[in-house]
Amino acid sequence: MPQSVSVRCPACRREHQYAAPAYPCACGAPVAPPLDPRGTPTAVTHRTWAEEWVTVQCASCGRSDQWPHPELGCACGTVVRIAVAGTLSPARPGTQVLDTPRRRAPFQPVTIRTARDAVTAAALYLRWLGYREIRRADQRPPHGIGLAARGLLAQVDPTVRPAGVRDVECLWLTAMTESSDCVYFSLAGYAPEARVRADALRVPLFVLDLTGTPKPVNDHAEALESPAG
Protein backbone atom coordinates (compact mmCIF):
# COMPACT_ATOMS: atom_id res chain seq x y z
CA MET A 1 0.00 0.00 0.00
CA PRO A 2 1.34 3.48 -0.85
CA GLN A 3 2.10 5.77 2.06
CA SER A 4 -0.80 8.14 2.79
CA VAL A 5 -0.67 11.32 4.86
CA SER A 6 -3.19 13.93 5.94
CA VAL A 7 -2.56 17.28 4.24
CA ARG A 8 -4.18 20.60 5.20
CA CYS A 9 -4.39 23.21 2.46
CA PRO A 10 -2.51 26.31 3.71
CA ALA A 11 -5.02 28.59 1.95
CA CYS A 12 -8.48 27.26 2.86
CA ARG A 13 -7.53 24.77 5.63
CA ARG A 14 -9.36 21.92 3.90
CA GLU A 15 -8.08 18.45 4.85
CA HIS A 16 -6.96 15.97 2.19
CA GLN A 17 -5.65 12.41 2.27
CA TYR A 18 -2.72 12.13 -0.13
CA ALA A 19 -0.59 9.27 -1.41
CA ALA A 20 2.39 10.02 -3.65
CA PRO A 21 2.26 8.41 -7.12
CA ALA A 22 4.85 5.75 -7.89
CA TYR A 23 7.07 5.93 -10.97
CA PRO A 24 9.04 3.06 -12.52
CA CYS A 25 12.78 2.84 -11.91
CA ALA A 26 14.93 1.69 -14.81
CA CYS A 27 15.00 -1.73 -13.08
CA GLY A 28 11.19 -1.87 -13.26
CA ALA A 29 10.50 -1.46 -9.54
CA PRO A 30 7.98 1.22 -8.49
CA VAL A 31 9.52 4.23 -6.72
CA ALA A 32 7.58 6.83 -4.73
CA PRO A 33 8.98 9.76 -2.71
CA PRO A 34 8.63 9.05 1.05
CA LEU A 35 6.26 11.61 2.54
CA ASP A 36 6.91 13.44 5.80
CA PRO A 37 3.73 13.30 7.94
CA ARG A 38 5.17 15.99 10.24
CA GLY A 39 6.20 18.29 7.41
CA THR A 40 4.40 21.50 6.53
CA PRO A 41 2.70 21.65 3.12
CA THR A 42 3.23 24.86 1.17
CA ALA A 43 1.27 26.67 -1.53
CA VAL A 44 2.98 26.82 -4.93
CA THR A 45 3.05 30.49 -5.94
CA HIS A 46 5.84 30.28 -8.50
CA ARG A 47 7.82 27.42 -9.96
CA THR A 48 11.52 26.71 -10.22
CA TRP A 49 13.01 23.58 -11.74
CA ALA A 50 15.01 22.65 -8.61
CA GLU A 51 11.91 22.76 -6.39
CA GLU A 52 9.82 20.62 -8.73
CA TRP A 53 12.09 17.56 -8.56
CA VAL A 54 13.50 15.49 -5.71
CA THR A 55 16.12 12.76 -5.66
CA VAL A 56 14.83 9.35 -4.57
CA GLN A 57 16.74 6.09 -4.21
CA CYS A 58 15.18 2.88 -5.50
CA ALA A 59 14.87 0.35 -2.68
CA SER A 60 15.31 -2.53 -5.12
CA CYS A 61 18.46 -1.63 -7.06
CA GLY A 62 19.85 1.37 -5.17
CA ARG A 63 19.76 3.69 -8.19
CA SER A 64 19.10 7.36 -7.35
CA ASP A 65 17.02 9.38 -9.77
CA GLN A 66 15.02 12.58 -9.95
CA TRP A 67 11.24 12.36 -9.67
CA PRO A 68 8.45 14.98 -9.59
CA HIS A 69 7.97 16.59 -6.18
CA PRO A 70 4.59 15.44 -4.79
CA GLU A 71 1.79 17.99 -5.23
CA LEU A 72 -1.99 18.06 -5.00
CA GLY A 73 -4.62 20.45 -6.28
CA CYS A 74 -7.08 21.70 -3.68
CA ALA A 75 -10.68 22.48 -4.62
CA CYS A 76 -10.04 26.13 -3.67
CA GLY A 77 -7.60 26.39 -6.58
CA THR A 78 -4.38 26.22 -4.56
CA VAL A 79 -1.60 23.87 -5.68
CA VAL A 80 -0.10 22.36 -2.53
CA ARG A 81 3.45 21.01 -2.43
CA ILE A 82 3.72 18.05 -0.05
CA ALA A 83 6.61 17.74 2.38
CA VAL A 84 8.95 14.81 1.75
CA ALA A 85 11.29 12.98 4.12
CA GLY A 86 14.48 14.82 5.00
CA THR A 87 16.69 12.19 3.37
CA LEU A 88 15.78 13.59 -0.02
CA SER A 89 17.62 16.45 -1.67
CA PRO A 90 16.42 18.92 -4.32
CA ALA A 91 17.38 18.04 -7.84
CA ARG A 92 20.37 20.00 -9.09
CA PRO A 93 21.81 20.34 -12.58
CA GLY A 94 24.98 18.30 -12.90
CA THR A 95 26.86 15.93 -15.11
CA GLN A 96 24.51 13.87 -17.26
CA VAL A 97 25.23 10.24 -18.06
CA LEU A 98 23.64 8.30 -20.89
CA ASP A 99 23.00 4.81 -19.59
CA THR A 100 20.53 3.13 -21.89
CA PRO A 101 19.81 -0.43 -20.71
CA ARG A 102 19.53 -3.15 -23.31
CA ARG A 103 16.35 -4.39 -21.69
CA ARG A 104 13.86 -1.90 -20.37
CA ALA A 105 10.85 -2.39 -18.18
CA PRO A 106 7.66 -1.15 -19.88
CA PHE A 107 7.29 2.62 -19.76
CA GLN A 108 4.76 3.72 -17.14
CA PRO A 109 3.15 7.02 -18.22
CA VAL A 110 1.75 9.82 -16.09
CA THR A 111 -1.68 11.15 -17.06
CA ILE A 112 -1.52 14.58 -18.67
CA ARG A 113 -3.95 17.13 -17.24
CA THR A 114 -1.75 20.23 -17.19
CA ALA A 115 1.25 21.64 -19.04
CA ARG A 116 3.42 20.58 -16.11
CA ASP A 117 2.20 17.01 -16.54
CA ALA A 118 3.30 17.10 -20.18
CA VAL A 119 6.81 18.20 -19.18
CA THR A 120 6.89 15.52 -16.48
CA ALA A 121 5.81 12.85 -18.97
CA ALA A 122 8.55 13.84 -21.42
CA ALA A 123 11.20 13.94 -18.68
CA LEU A 124 10.17 10.50 -17.40
CA TYR A 125 10.27 9.15 -20.94
CA LEU A 126 13.77 10.52 -21.54
CA ARG A 127 14.87 8.93 -18.28
CA TRP A 128 13.30 5.66 -19.45
CA LEU A 129 15.37 5.95 -22.62
CA GLY A 130 18.47 6.15 -20.46
CA TYR A 131 19.19 9.86 -20.00
CA ARG A 132 20.10 10.94 -16.48
CA GLU A 133 20.10 14.26 -14.58
CA ILE A 134 17.54 15.86 -16.86
CA ARG A 135 17.24 19.60 -16.30
CA ARG A 136 15.59 22.64 -17.75
CA ALA A 137 17.43 23.87 -20.84
CA ASP A 138 19.46 27.07 -20.58
CA GLN A 139 17.74 28.65 -23.59
CA ARG A 140 13.96 29.01 -23.61
CA PRO A 141 12.34 27.83 -26.87
CA PRO A 142 9.78 29.98 -28.75
CA HIS A 143 7.00 27.65 -27.58
CA GLY A 144 6.82 25.23 -24.69
CA ILE A 145 9.57 24.12 -22.32
CA GLY A 146 13.14 23.08 -23.08
CA LEU A 147 14.77 20.11 -21.36
CA ALA A 148 18.41 19.11 -21.55
CA ALA A 149 20.62 16.15 -20.75
CA ARG A 150 24.17 15.36 -21.77
CA GLY A 151 24.26 15.45 -25.57
CA LEU A 152 20.53 16.01 -25.91
CA LEU A 153 18.17 18.96 -26.16
CA ALA A 154 14.41 18.34 -25.98
CA GLN A 155 11.44 20.63 -26.54
CA VAL A 156 8.06 19.93 -24.95
CA ASP A 157 5.15 21.81 -26.52
CA PRO A 158 1.97 21.42 -24.39
CA THR A 159 -0.08 23.93 -26.41
CA VAL A 160 -3.12 23.07 -28.53
CA ARG A 161 -1.49 24.19 -31.80
CA PRO A 162 0.43 21.76 -34.00
CA ALA A 163 4.15 22.45 -34.08
CA GLY A 164 5.29 24.20 -37.24
CA VAL A 165 8.38 24.30 -39.41
CA ARG A 166 9.89 27.22 -37.46
CA ASP A 167 9.54 25.30 -34.17
CA VAL A 168 11.44 22.32 -35.56
CA GLU A 169 14.12 24.48 -37.18
CA CYS A 170 14.67 26.56 -34.02
CA LEU A 171 15.14 23.43 -31.94
CA TRP A 172 17.55 21.96 -34.48
CA LEU A 173 19.59 25.17 -34.75
CA THR A 174 19.85 25.53 -30.97
CA ALA A 175 20.96 21.91 -30.67
CA MET A 176 23.54 22.45 -33.40
CA THR A 177 25.09 25.38 -31.52
CA GLU A 178 25.39 23.14 -28.45
CA SER A 179 26.70 20.13 -30.42
CA SER A 180 23.72 18.12 -29.18
CA ASP A 181 21.09 15.86 -30.64
CA CYS A 182 17.51 16.99 -30.28
CA VAL A 183 13.99 15.60 -29.89
CA TYR A 184 10.56 17.23 -30.01
CA PHE A 185 7.48 16.32 -27.94
CA SER A 186 4.14 17.87 -28.94
CA LEU A 187 0.70 17.47 -27.42
CA ALA A 188 -1.13 18.65 -30.56
CA GLY A 189 1.00 16.99 -33.22
CA TYR A 190 2.80 18.57 -36.17
CA ALA A 191 1.94 20.45 -39.33
CA PRO A 192 2.71 18.38 -42.47
CA GLU A 193 5.50 20.77 -43.46
CA ALA A 194 7.07 20.41 -40.01
CA ARG A 195 7.16 16.64 -40.36
CA VAL A 196 8.84 16.90 -43.76
CA ARG A 197 11.42 19.33 -42.39
CA ALA A 198 12.08 17.18 -39.32
CA ASP A 199 12.75 14.19 -41.55
CA ALA A 200 15.26 16.21 -43.56
CA LEU A 201 16.99 17.46 -40.40
CA ARG A 202 16.82 14.06 -38.69
CA VAL A 203 14.83 15.40 -35.73
CA PRO A 204 12.86 12.74 -33.82
CA LEU A 205 9.22 13.74 -33.36
CA PHE A 206 6.91 12.37 -30.66
CA VAL A 207 3.26 13.06 -29.93
CA LEU A 208 2.16 12.99 -26.29
CA ASP A 209 -1.30 11.49 -25.82
CA LEU A 210 -3.34 12.30 -22.72
CA THR A 211 -2.22 9.09 -21.02
CA GLY A 212 1.30 10.56 -21.05
CA THR A 213 2.67 8.03 -23.53
CA PRO A 214 4.96 9.47 -26.24
CA LYS A 215 4.20 8.03 -29.67
CA PRO A 216 6.90 8.11 -32.39
CA VAL A 217 5.83 10.16 -35.42
CA ASN A 218 8.80 9.57 -37.73
CA ASP A 219 11.55 7.01 -38.32
CA HIS A 220 14.07 9.01 -36.31
CA ALA A 221 11.81 8.82 -33.25
CA GLU A 222 11.39 5.09 -33.69
CA ALA A 223 15.17 4.69 -33.90
CA LEU A 224 15.62 6.70 -30.68
CA GLU A 225 13.03 4.57 -28.91
CA SER A 226 14.63 1.31 -30.05
CA PRO A 227 16.86 -0.27 -27.35
CA ALA A 228 19.46 -0.83 -30.04
CA GLY A 229 19.29 2.84 -31.02
C-alpha atoms as a PDB file:
ATOM      1  CA  MET A   1       0.000   0.000   0.000  1.00  0.00           C
ATOM      2  CA  PRO A   2       1.340   3.481  -0.848  1.00  0.00           C
ATOM      3  CA  GLN A   3       2.100   5.772   2.059  1.00  0.00           C
ATOM      4  CA  SER A   4      -0.800   8.139   2.788  1.00  0.00           C
ATOM      5  CA  VAL A   5      -0.670  11.324   4.857  1.00  0.00           C
ATOM      6  CA  SER A   6      -3.187  13.934   5.944  1.00  0.00           C
ATOM      7  CA  VAL A   7      -2.558  17.285   4.241  1.00  0.00           C
ATOM      8  CA  ARG A   8      -4.184  20.600   5.202  1.00  0.00           C
ATOM      9  CA  CYS A   9      -4.395  23.211   2.464  1.00  0.00           C
ATOM     10  CA  PRO A  10      -2.515  26.314   3.709  1.00  0.00           C
ATOM     11  CA  ALA A  11      -5.018  28.592   1.952  1.00  0.00           C
ATOM     12  CA  CYS A  12      -8.484  27.260   2.857  1.00  0.00           C
ATOM     13  CA  ARG A  13      -7.532  24.766   5.626  1.00  0.00           C
ATOM     14  CA  ARG A  14      -9.365  21.921   3.897  1.00  0.00           C
ATOM     15  CA  GLU A  15      -8.085  18.449   4.849  1.00  0.00           C
ATOM     16  CA  HIS A  16      -6.961  15.968   2.193  1.00  0.00           C
ATOM     17  CA  GLN A  17      -5.649  12.412   2.268  1.00  0.00           C
ATOM     18  CA  TYR A  18      -2.724  12.129  -0.125  1.00  0.00           C
ATOM     19  CA  ALA A  19      -0.587   9.269  -1.415  1.00  0.00           C
ATOM     20  CA  ALA A  20       2.388  10.017  -3.655  1.00  0.00           C
ATOM     21  CA  PRO A  21       2.259   8.413  -7.120  1.00  0.00           C
ATOM     22  CA  ALA A  22       4.854   5.753  -7.888  1.00  0.00           C
ATOM     23  CA  TYR A  23       7.066   5.928 -10.973  1.00  0.00           C
ATOM     24  CA  PRO A  24       9.044   3.065 -12.517  1.00  0.00           C
ATOM     25  CA  CYS A  25      12.782   2.836 -11.905  1.00  0.00           C
ATOM     26  CA  ALA A  26      14.929   1.686 -14.810  1.00  0.00           C
ATOM     27  CA  CYS A  27      14.998  -1.727 -13.081  1.00  0.00           C
ATOM     28  CA  GLY A  28      11.194  -1.865 -13.261  1.00  0.00           C
ATOM     29  CA  ALA A  29      10.501  -1.463  -9.537  1.00  0.00           C
ATOM     30  CA  PRO A  30       7.977   1.220  -8.489  1.00  0.00           C
ATOM     31  CA  VAL A  31       9.519   4.226  -6.720  1.00  0.00           C
ATOM     32  CA  ALA A  32       7.578   6.832  -4.733  1.00  0.00           C
ATOM     33  CA  PRO A  33       8.979   9.756  -2.710  1.00  0.00           C
ATOM     34  CA  PRO A  34       8.628   9.053   1.048  1.00  0.00           C
ATOM     35  CA  LEU A  35       6.256  11.606   2.541  1.00  0.00           C
ATOM     36  CA  ASP A  36       6.914  13.438   5.801  1.00  0.00           C
ATOM     37  CA  PRO A  37       3.733  13.298   7.936  1.00  0.00           C
ATOM     38  CA  ARG A  38       5.169  15.987  10.238  1.00  0.00           C
ATOM     39  CA  GLY A  39       6.195  18.289   7.405  1.00  0.00           C
ATOM     40  CA  THR A  40       4.404  21.503   6.529  1.00  0.00           C
ATOM     41  CA  PRO A  41       2.697  21.652   3.123  1.00  0.00           C
ATOM     42  CA  THR A  42       3.228  24.864   1.165  1.00  0.00           C
ATOM     43  CA  ALA A  43       1.275  26.674  -1.530  1.00  0.00           C
ATOM     44  CA  VAL A  44       2.982  26.822  -4.934  1.00  0.00           C
ATOM     45  CA  THR A  45       3.046  30.494  -5.938  1.00  0.00           C
ATOM     46  CA  HIS A  46       5.839  30.279  -8.504  1.00  0.00           C
ATOM     47  CA  ARG A  47       7.818  27.415  -9.956  1.00  0.00           C
ATOM     48  CA  THR A  48      11.516  26.708 -10.219  1.00  0.00           C
ATOM     49  CA  TRP A  49      13.011  23.580 -11.737  1.00  0.00           C
ATOM     50  CA  ALA A  50      15.009  22.655  -8.610  1.00  0.00           C
ATOM     51  CA  GLU A  51      11.907  22.759  -6.390  1.00  0.00           C
ATOM     52  CA  GLU A  52       9.818  20.616  -8.726  1.00  0.00           C
ATOM     53  CA  TRP A  53      12.094  17.557  -8.562  1.00  0.00           C
ATOM     54  CA  VAL A  54      13.496  15.486  -5.715  1.00  0.00           C
ATOM     55  CA  THR A  55      16.122  12.755  -5.656  1.00  0.00           C
ATOM     56  CA  VAL A  56      14.829   9.348  -4.567  1.00  0.00           C
ATOM     57  CA  GLN A  57      16.743   6.087  -4.205  1.00  0.00           C
ATOM     58  CA  CYS A  58      15.181   2.881  -5.497  1.00  0.00           C
ATOM     59  CA  ALA A  59      14.874   0.350  -2.682  1.00  0.00           C
ATOM     60  CA  SER A  60      15.307  -2.535  -5.123  1.00  0.00           C
ATOM     61  CA  CYS A  61      18.459  -1.626  -7.060  1.00  0.00           C
ATOM     62  CA  GLY A  62      19.855   1.366  -5.167  1.00  0.00           C
ATOM     63  CA  ARG A  63      19.759   3.693  -8.189  1.00  0.00           C
ATOM     64  CA  SER A  64      19.104   7.357  -7.353  1.00  0.00           C
ATOM     65  CA  ASP A  65      17.020   9.376  -9.770  1.00  0.00           C
ATOM     66  CA  GLN A  66      15.023  12.577  -9.954  1.00  0.00           C
ATOM     67  CA  TRP A  67      11.241  12.363  -9.673  1.00  0.00           C
ATOM     68  CA  PRO A  68       8.448  14.978  -9.595  1.00  0.00           C
ATOM     69  CA  HIS A  69       7.972  16.592  -6.185  1.00  0.00           C
ATOM     70  CA  PRO A  70       4.593  15.442  -4.786  1.00  0.00           C
ATOM     71  CA  GLU A  71       1.793  17.987  -5.228  1.00  0.00           C
ATOM     72  CA  LEU A  72      -1.989  18.057  -5.000  1.00  0.00           C
ATOM     73  CA  GLY A  73      -4.619  20.450  -6.284  1.00  0.00           C
ATOM     74  CA  CYS A  74      -7.080  21.704  -3.682  1.00  0.00           C
ATOM     75  CA  ALA A  75     -10.681  22.484  -4.619  1.00  0.00           C
ATOM     76  CA  CYS A  76     -10.037  26.127  -3.671  1.00  0.00           C
ATOM     77  CA  GLY A  77      -7.598  26.394  -6.578  1.00  0.00           C
ATOM     78  CA  THR A  78      -4.377  26.221  -4.561  1.00  0.00           C
ATOM     79  CA  VAL A  79      -1.603  23.869  -5.677  1.00  0.00           C
ATOM     80  CA  VAL A  80      -0.101  22.361  -2.532  1.00  0.00           C
ATOM     81  CA  ARG A  81       3.453  21.007  -2.429  1.00  0.00           C
ATOM     82  CA  ILE A  82       3.722  18.046  -0.053  1.00  0.00           C
ATOM     83  CA  ALA A  83       6.610  17.736   2.385  1.00  0.00           C
ATOM     84  CA  VAL A  84       8.947  14.811   1.745  1.00  0.00           C
ATOM     85  CA  ALA A  85      11.289  12.979   4.124  1.00  0.00           C
ATOM     86  CA  GLY A  86      14.483  14.823   5.004  1.00  0.00           C
ATOM     87  CA  THR A  87      16.693  12.192   3.374  1.00  0.00           C
ATOM     88  CA  LEU A  88      15.780  13.593  -0.022  1.00  0.00           C
ATOM     89  CA  SER A  89      17.617  16.453  -1.672  1.00  0.00           C
ATOM     90  CA  PRO A  90      16.424  18.922  -4.316  1.00  0.00           C
ATOM     91  CA  ALA A  91      17.380  18.039  -7.836  1.00  0.00           C
ATOM     92  CA  ARG A  92      20.369  20.002  -9.093  1.00  0.00           C
ATOM     93  CA  PRO A  93      21.815  20.338 -12.578  1.00  0.00           C
ATOM     94  CA  GLY A  94      24.977  18.305 -12.896  1.00  0.00           C
ATOM     95  CA  THR A  95      26.865  15.927 -15.111  1.00  0.00           C
ATOM     96  CA  GLN A  96      24.514  13.871 -17.264  1.00  0.00           C
ATOM     97  CA  VAL A  97      25.226  10.242 -18.057  1.00  0.00           C
ATOM     98  CA  LEU A  98      23.637   8.298 -20.891  1.00  0.00           C
ATOM     99  CA  ASP A  99      23.005   4.808 -19.590  1.00  0.00           C
ATOM    100  CA  THR A 100      20.531   3.133 -21.891  1.00  0.00           C
ATOM    101  CA  PRO A 101      19.806  -0.427 -20.707  1.00  0.00           C
ATOM    102  CA  ARG A 102      19.534  -3.155 -23.306  1.00  0.00           C
ATOM    103  CA  ARG A 103      16.349  -4.386 -21.691  1.00  0.00           C
ATOM    104  CA  ARG A 104      13.857  -1.896 -20.375  1.00  0.00           C
ATOM    105  CA  ALA A 105      10.845  -2.385 -18.185  1.00  0.00           C
ATOM    106  CA  PRO A 106       7.657  -1.152 -19.884  1.00  0.00           C
ATOM    107  CA  PHE A 107       7.287   2.620 -19.756  1.00  0.00           C
ATOM    108  CA  GLN A 108       4.761   3.717 -17.139  1.00  0.00           C
ATOM    109  CA  PRO A 109       3.153   7.018 -18.224  1.00  0.00           C
ATOM    110  CA  VAL A 110       1.754   9.817 -16.092  1.00  0.00           C
ATOM    111  CA  THR A 111      -1.681  11.146 -17.056  1.00  0.00           C
ATOM    112  CA  ILE A 112      -1.525  14.583 -18.668  1.00  0.00           C
ATOM    113  CA  ARG A 113      -3.953  17.130 -17.244  1.00  0.00           C
ATOM    114  CA  THR A 114      -1.753  20.227 -17.192  1.00  0.00           C
ATOM    115  CA  ALA A 115       1.250  21.638 -19.035  1.00  0.00           C
ATOM    116  CA  ARG A 116       3.423  20.581 -16.106  1.00  0.00           C
ATOM    117  CA  ASP A 117       2.196  17.007 -16.536  1.00  0.00           C
ATOM    118  CA  ALA A 118       3.302  17.098 -20.184  1.00  0.00           C
ATOM    119  CA  VAL A 119       6.810  18.198 -19.176  1.00  0.00           C
ATOM    120  CA  THR A 120       6.893  15.518 -16.479  1.00  0.00           C
ATOM    121  CA  ALA A 121       5.808  12.849 -18.970  1.00  0.00           C
ATOM    122  CA  ALA A 122       8.547  13.844 -21.418  1.00  0.00           C
ATOM    123  CA  ALA A 123      11.197  13.936 -18.677  1.00  0.00           C
ATOM    124  CA  LEU A 124      10.169  10.504 -17.398  1.00  0.00           C
ATOM    125  CA  TYR A 125      10.271   9.154 -20.936  1.00  0.00           C
ATOM    126  CA  LEU A 126      13.766  10.521 -21.537  1.00  0.00           C
ATOM    127  CA  ARG A 127      14.867   8.928 -18.283  1.00  0.00           C
ATOM    128  CA  TRP A 128      13.298   5.662 -19.447  1.00  0.00           C
ATOM    129  CA  LEU A 129      15.369   5.945 -22.620  1.00  0.00           C
ATOM    130  CA  GLY A 130      18.468   6.145 -20.457  1.00  0.00           C
ATOM    131  CA  TYR A 131      19.188   9.863 -19.999  1.00  0.00           C
ATOM    132  CA  ARG A 132      20.102  10.944 -16.477  1.00  0.00           C
ATOM    133  CA  GLU A 133      20.104  14.260 -14.582  1.00  0.00           C
ATOM    134  CA  ILE A 134      17.541  15.858 -16.864  1.00  0.00           C
ATOM    135  CA  ARG A 135      17.243  19.599 -16.302  1.00  0.00           C
ATOM    136  CA  ARG A 136      15.586  22.643 -17.747  1.00  0.00           C
ATOM    137  CA  ALA A 137      17.433  23.872 -20.841  1.00  0.00           C
ATOM    138  CA  ASP A 138      19.460  27.075 -20.577  1.00  0.00           C
ATOM    139  CA  GLN A 139      17.739  28.646 -23.595  1.00  0.00           C
ATOM    140  CA  ARG A 140      13.960  29.007 -23.608  1.00  0.00           C
ATOM    141  CA  PRO A 141      12.342  27.829 -26.869  1.00  0.00           C
ATOM    142  CA  PRO A 142       9.778  29.975 -28.754  1.00  0.00           C
ATOM    143  CA  HIS A 143       7.004  27.652 -27.583  1.00  0.00           C
ATOM    144  CA  GLY A 144       6.821  25.229 -24.687  1.00  0.00           C
ATOM    145  CA  ILE A 145       9.570  24.123 -22.320  1.00  0.00           C
ATOM    146  CA  GLY A 146      13.139  23.077 -23.083  1.00  0.00           C
ATOM    147  CA  LEU A 147      14.768  20.105 -21.362  1.00  0.00           C
ATOM    148  CA  ALA A 148      18.415  19.107 -21.547  1.00  0.00           C
ATOM    149  CA  ALA A 149      20.617  16.149 -20.752  1.00  0.00           C
ATOM    150  CA  ARG A 150      24.169  15.360 -21.773  1.00  0.00           C
ATOM    151  CA  GLY A 151      24.265  15.447 -25.567  1.00  0.00           C
ATOM    152  CA  LEU A 152      20.528  16.013 -25.915  1.00  0.00           C
ATOM    153  CA  LEU A 153      18.165  18.965 -26.160  1.00  0.00           C
ATOM    154  CA  ALA A 154      14.409  18.338 -25.981  1.00  0.00           C
ATOM    155  CA  GLN A 155      11.444  20.627 -26.540  1.00  0.00           C
ATOM    156  CA  VAL A 156       8.063  19.928 -24.948  1.00  0.00           C
ATOM    157  CA  ASP A 157       5.146  21.805 -26.516  1.00  0.00           C
ATOM    158  CA  PRO A 158       1.971  21.421 -24.391  1.00  0.00           C
ATOM    159  CA  THR A 159      -0.080  23.930 -26.410  1.00  0.00           C
ATOM    160  CA  VAL A 160      -3.124  23.068 -28.528  1.00  0.00           C
ATOM    161  CA  ARG A 161      -1.495  24.190 -31.798  1.00  0.00           C
ATOM    162  CA  PRO A 162       0.430  21.759 -33.998  1.00  0.00           C
ATOM    163  CA  ALA A 163       4.155  22.450 -34.077  1.00  0.00           C
ATOM    164  CA  GLY A 164       5.289  24.201 -37.240  1.00  0.00           C
ATOM    165  CA  VAL A 165       8.382  24.302 -39.412  1.00  0.00           C
ATOM    166  CA  ARG A 166       9.894  27.219 -37.457  1.00  0.00           C
ATOM    167  CA  ASP A 167       9.544  25.296 -34.175  1.00  0.00           C
ATOM    168  CA  VAL A 168      11.440  22.316 -35.563  1.00  0.00           C
ATOM    169  CA  GLU A 169      14.119  24.479 -37.178  1.00  0.00           C
ATOM    170  CA  CYS A 170      14.674  26.563 -34.024  1.00  0.00           C
ATOM    171  CA  LEU A 171      15.142  23.431 -31.941  1.00  0.00           C
ATOM    172  CA  TRP A 172      17.553  21.963 -34.483  1.00  0.00           C
ATOM    173  CA  LEU A 173      19.588  25.174 -34.749  1.00  0.00           C
ATOM    174  CA  THR A 174      19.847  25.528 -30.971  1.00  0.00           C
ATOM    175  CA  ALA A 175      20.958  21.913 -30.667  1.00  0.00           C
ATOM    176  CA  MET A 176      23.542  22.447 -33.403  1.00  0.00           C
ATOM    177  CA  THR A 177      25.091  25.378 -31.524  1.00  0.00           C
ATOM    178  CA  GLU A 178      25.394  23.143 -28.448  1.00  0.00           C
ATOM    179  CA  SER A 179      26.698  20.132 -30.418  1.00  0.00           C
ATOM    180  CA  SER A 180      23.717  18.124 -29.178  1.00  0.00           C
ATOM    181  CA  ASP A 181      21.087  15.857 -30.636  1.00  0.00           C
ATOM    182  CA  CYS A 182      17.507  16.987 -30.280  1.00  0.00           C
ATOM    183  CA  VAL A 183      13.994  15.600 -29.892  1.00  0.00           C
ATOM    184  CA  TYR A 184      10.561  17.230 -30.014  1.00  0.00           C
ATOM    185  CA  PHE A 185       7.480  16.320 -27.942  1.00  0.00           C
ATOM    186  CA  SER A 186       4.145  17.869 -28.944  1.00  0.00           C
ATOM    187  CA  LEU A 187       0.702  17.469 -27.419  1.00  0.00           C
ATOM    188  CA  ALA A 188      -1.135  18.652 -30.556  1.00  0.00           C
ATOM    189  CA  GLY A 189       1.002  16.985 -33.224  1.00  0.00           C
ATOM    190  CA  TYR A 190       2.803  18.570 -36.172  1.00  0.00           C
ATOM    191  CA  ALA A 191       1.944  20.447 -39.332  1.00  0.00           C
ATOM    192  CA  PRO A 192       2.713  18.378 -42.472  1.00  0.00           C
ATOM    193  CA  GLU A 193       5.500  20.766 -43.460  1.00  0.00           C
ATOM    194  CA  ALA A 194       7.067  20.414 -40.008  1.00  0.00           C
ATOM    195  CA  ARG A 195       7.163  16.637 -40.359  1.00  0.00           C
ATOM    196  CA  VAL A 196       8.841  16.896 -43.755  1.00  0.00           C
ATOM    197  CA  ARG A 197      11.423  19.335 -42.393  1.00  0.00           C
ATOM    198  CA  ALA A 198      12.075  17.180 -39.321  1.00  0.00           C
ATOM    199  CA  ASP A 199      12.746  14.187 -41.553  1.00  0.00           C
ATOM    200  CA  ALA A 200      15.257  16.209 -43.561  1.00  0.00           C
ATOM    201  CA  LEU A 201      16.989  17.464 -40.401  1.00  0.00           C
ATOM    202  CA  ARG A 202      16.819  14.059 -38.690  1.00  0.00           C
ATOM    203  CA  VAL A 203      14.834  15.404 -35.734  1.00  0.00           C
ATOM    204  CA  PRO A 204      12.861  12.741 -33.821  1.00  0.00           C
ATOM    205  CA  LEU A 205       9.222  13.735 -33.358  1.00  0.00           C
ATOM    206  CA  PHE A 206       6.914  12.367 -30.664  1.00  0.00           C
ATOM    207  CA  VAL A 207       3.258  13.064 -29.930  1.00  0.00           C
ATOM    208  CA  LEU A 208       2.156  12.985 -26.288  1.00  0.00           C
ATOM    209  CA  ASP A 209      -1.297  11.485 -25.819  1.00  0.00           C
ATOM    210  CA  LEU A 210      -3.345  12.297 -22.725  1.00  0.00           C
ATOM    211  CA  THR A 211      -2.221   9.090 -21.019  1.00  0.00           C
ATOM    212  CA  GLY A 212       1.297  10.557 -21.052  1.00  0.00           C
ATOM    213  CA  THR A 213       2.669   8.031 -23.527  1.00  0.00           C
ATOM    214  CA  PRO A 214       4.961   9.474 -26.238  1.00  0.00           C
ATOM    215  CA  LYS A 215       4.197   8.030 -29.675  1.00  0.00           C
ATOM    216  CA  PRO A 216       6.897   8.107 -32.389  1.00  0.00           C
ATOM    217  CA  VAL A 217       5.831  10.156 -35.418  1.00  0.00           C
ATOM    218  CA  ASN A 218       8.804   9.571 -37.726  1.00  0.00           C
ATOM    219  CA  ASP A 219      11.547   7.009 -38.325  1.00  0.00           C
ATOM    220  CA  HIS A 220      14.075   9.013 -36.313  1.00  0.00           C
ATOM    221  CA  ALA A 221      11.812   8.819 -33.248  1.00  0.00           C
ATOM    222  CA  GLU A 222      11.391   5.085 -33.691  1.00  0.00           C
ATOM    223  CA  ALA A 223      15.167   4.693 -33.905  1.00  0.00           C
ATOM    224  CA  LEU A 224      15.619   6.704 -30.679  1.00  0.00           C
ATOM    225  CA  GLU A 225      13.032   4.567 -28.913  1.00  0.00           C
ATOM    226  CA  SER A 226      14.626   1.308 -30.049  1.00  0.00           C
ATOM    227  CA  PRO A 227      16.862  -0.273 -27.347  1.00  0.00           C
ATOM    228  CA  ALA A 228      19.456  -0.828 -30.039  1.00  0.00           C
ATOM    229  CA  GLY A 229      19.293   2.844 -31.016  1.00  0.00           C
END
